[in-house]
């Protein structure tokens, strides 16, 4: 699957039909190290509504960028958090050992998805709209498939603050 098939602009049923936002999916069985790390960092979440986890912005965050007609979202984490979380998983930690970082806290980009859209994430009080992340096992290529798995208790949903 290409990245655009794993990012959607949609309403998410648990939050209601009027709240349209960015939804990303991550496969817990992915061979991609960034995707596997993102899934692992979801364990640091704090449960809100049943099955919905909220992550602290200093554990895992999302960044929006727009280039022409394309909206991209990157999942980022501080290098220090990666070191804590992956201390006993050298193969994953090594995958990002030489990754470029941004800012004082050395944020590392774990994965990046983009699609063609005219959607502009809302802002409120200078804060960008959160990104929703659904983790699942195996390929899922539609939002309906993700929501079905969530409703069946076969996946989890996380709310990520966006920068």
Protein backbone atom coordinates (compact mmCIF):
# COMPACT_ATOMS: atom_id res chain seq x y z
CA UNK A 1 0.00 0.00 0.00
CA UNK A 2 1.24 3.48 -0.72
CA UNK A 3 1.10 6.19 1.91
CA UNK A 4 -1.96 7.94 0.48
CA UNK A 5 -3.98 4.76 1.02
CA UNK A 6 -3.22 4.98 4.75
CA UNK A 7 -4.27 8.58 5.32
CA UNK A 8 -7.80 9.91 5.02
CA UNK A 9 -9.79 13.08 5.60
CA UNK A 10 -12.95 11.77 7.23
CA UNK A 11 -15.38 11.92 10.12
CA UNK A 12 -14.67 9.36 12.83
CA UNK A 13 -17.78 7.62 14.22
CA UNK A 14 -16.78 7.66 17.92
CA UNK A 15 -16.38 11.44 17.71
CA UNK A 16 -19.50 12.15 15.62
CA UNK A 17 -20.36 12.82 11.99
CA UNK A 18 -19.58 16.54 12.05
CA UNK A 19 -15.95 16.39 13.15
CA UNK A 20 -13.91 15.86 10.00
CA UNK A 21 -10.19 15.42 10.47
CA UNK A 22 -7.07 13.54 9.47
CA UNK A 23 -6.99 9.80 10.15
CA UNK A 24 -3.85 7.68 9.80
CA UNK A 25 -3.55 3.93 10.11
CA UNK A 26 -0.53 2.03 11.38
CA UNK A 27 -0.06 -1.72 11.13
CA UNK A 28 1.39 -3.29 14.26
CA UNK A 29 2.90 -6.05 12.09
CA UNK A 30 4.55 -3.66 9.63
CA UNK A 31 8.13 -4.25 8.54
CA UNK A 32 8.68 -0.48 8.57
CA UNK A 33 10.68 0.48 11.71
CA UNK A 34 9.00 3.89 12.02
CA UNK A 35 5.56 2.37 11.92
CA UNK A 36 6.53 -0.28 14.49
CA UNK A 37 7.96 2.37 16.82
CA UNK A 38 4.83 4.53 16.47
CA UNK A 39 2.72 1.50 17.43
CA UNK A 40 4.94 0.80 20.42
CA UNK A 41 4.72 4.42 21.60
CA UNK A 42 0.93 4.07 21.68
CA UNK A 43 1.46 2.01 24.85
CA UNK A 44 2.37 5.29 26.56
CA UNK A 45 -1.17 6.61 26.01
CA UNK A 46 -3.80 7.40 28.60
CA UNK A 47 -7.28 5.99 28.00
CA UNK A 48 -10.17 8.41 27.58
CA UNK A 49 -13.35 7.08 25.98
CA UNK A 50 -13.43 3.29 25.73
CA UNK A 51 -10.64 2.22 23.38
CA UNK A 52 -9.49 5.81 22.69
CA UNK A 53 -6.06 6.79 23.97
CA UNK A 54 -4.57 10.25 24.31
CA UNK A 55 -0.84 10.62 24.02
CA UNK A 56 1.19 13.28 25.71
CA UNK A 57 2.65 15.68 23.15
CA UNK A 58 6.17 15.01 24.40
CA UNK A 59 5.84 11.24 23.72
CA UNK A 60 4.49 11.20 20.17
CA UNK A 61 3.15 14.06 18.10
CA UNK A 62 2.04 14.90 14.57
CA UNK A 63 3.18 17.68 12.27
CA UNK A 64 1.19 19.07 9.38
CA UNK A 65 2.76 20.53 6.25
CA UNK A 66 1.26 21.68 2.98
CA UNK A 67 3.00 21.78 -0.38
CA UNK A 68 0.75 22.94 -3.18
CA UNK A 69 -2.28 20.67 -3.27
CA UNK A 70 -0.73 18.06 -0.95
CA UNK A 71 -1.21 17.81 2.80
CA UNK A 72 1.37 15.76 4.67
CA UNK A 73 1.41 14.52 8.23
CA UNK A 74 4.56 13.29 9.95
CA UNK A 75 4.61 11.36 13.20
CA UNK A 76 7.49 12.59 15.34
CA UNK A 77 8.98 11.66 18.71
CA UNK A 78 11.86 13.04 20.76
CA UNK A 79 15.07 11.05 20.47
CA UNK A 80 15.15 10.76 24.30
CA UNK A 81 11.73 9.04 24.31
CA UNK A 82 12.94 6.63 21.63
CA UNK A 83 15.98 5.83 23.77
CA UNK A 84 13.78 5.10 26.80
CA UNK A 85 11.19 3.06 24.93
CA UNK A 86 13.61 1.12 22.74
CA UNK A 87 16.48 0.55 25.18
CA UNK A 88 16.19 -3.22 24.77
CA UNK A 89 15.36 -3.21 21.05
CA UNK A 90 18.62 -2.27 19.38
CA UNK A 91 17.42 -3.09 15.84
CA UNK A 92 14.64 -0.49 16.06
CA UNK A 93 16.78 2.09 17.83
CA UNK A 94 19.58 1.62 15.27
CA UNK A 95 17.13 2.31 12.43
CA UNK A 96 16.93 5.93 13.64
CA UNK A 97 20.43 6.37 15.09
CA UNK A 98 21.50 8.72 12.28
CA UNK A 99 18.08 10.25 11.57
CA UNK A 100 18.10 14.02 11.31
CA UNK A 101 16.49 15.84 14.22
CA UNK A 102 14.70 19.14 14.67
CA UNK A 103 14.59 21.54 17.59
CA UNK A 104 16.12 21.50 21.03
CA UNK A 105 14.40 18.25 22.01
CA UNK A 106 15.74 16.51 18.89
CA UNK A 107 12.47 15.38 17.33
CA UNK A 108 12.84 12.43 14.96
CA UNK A 109 10.40 11.78 12.10
CA UNK A 110 9.14 8.20 12.35
CA UNK A 111 6.86 8.19 9.32
CA UNK A 112 5.28 10.59 6.86
CA UNK A 113 2.04 10.30 4.89
CA UNK A 114 0.55 12.66 2.36
CA UNK A 115 -2.36 13.03 -0.01
CA UNK A 116 -3.88 15.47 -2.45
CA UNK A 117 -6.61 17.45 -0.69
CA UNK A 118 -7.91 20.96 -0.18
CA UNK A 119 -8.59 20.18 3.50
CA UNK A 120 -6.97 22.61 5.93
CA UNK A 121 -6.79 21.40 9.54
CA UNK A 122 -8.64 23.68 11.92
CA UNK A 123 -6.86 25.74 14.53
CA UNK A 124 -8.21 26.88 17.86
CA UNK A 125 -6.31 29.25 20.13
CA UNK A 126 -3.16 28.64 18.07
CA UNK A 127 -3.40 24.84 18.47
CA UNK A 128 -3.73 22.72 15.34
CA UNK A 129 -6.42 20.07 15.01
CA UNK A 130 -5.42 16.70 16.47
CA UNK A 131 -4.58 13.74 14.24
CA UNK A 132 -6.36 10.43 14.85
CA UNK A 133 -4.35 7.25 14.60
CA UNK A 134 -5.81 3.73 14.39
CA UNK A 135 -3.47 0.83 15.01
CA UNK A 136 -4.38 -2.57 13.61
CA UNK A 137 -2.89 -5.93 12.62
CA UNK A 138 -2.49 -6.58 8.91
CA UNK A 139 -3.53 -4.54 5.89
CA UNK A 140 -6.66 -2.39 5.96
CA UNK A 141 -7.30 -0.12 3.00
CA UNK A 142 -10.51 1.75 3.86
CA UNK A 143 -11.72 3.83 6.78
CA UNK A 144 -14.78 1.56 7.00
CA UNK A 145 -12.47 -1.43 7.53
CA UNK A 146 -10.62 0.45 10.27
CA UNK A 147 -13.84 1.46 12.01
CA UNK A 148 -15.18 -2.11 11.79
CA UNK A 149 -12.04 -3.41 13.51
CA UNK A 150 -12.27 -0.68 16.14
CA UNK A 151 -15.93 -1.50 16.87
CA UNK A 152 -15.00 -5.20 17.13
CA UNK A 153 -12.26 -4.38 19.64
CA UNK A 154 -9.53 -5.46 17.21
CA UNK A 155 -7.78 -2.10 17.01
CA UNK A 156 -7.19 0.98 19.08
CA UNK A 157 -7.51 4.67 18.38
CA UNK A 158 -5.14 7.38 19.58
CA UNK A 159 -5.49 11.14 19.55
CA UNK A 160 -2.20 12.89 18.77
CA UNK A 161 -1.57 16.56 19.36
CA UNK A 162 -0.36 18.34 16.24
CA UNK A 163 2.37 20.92 15.94
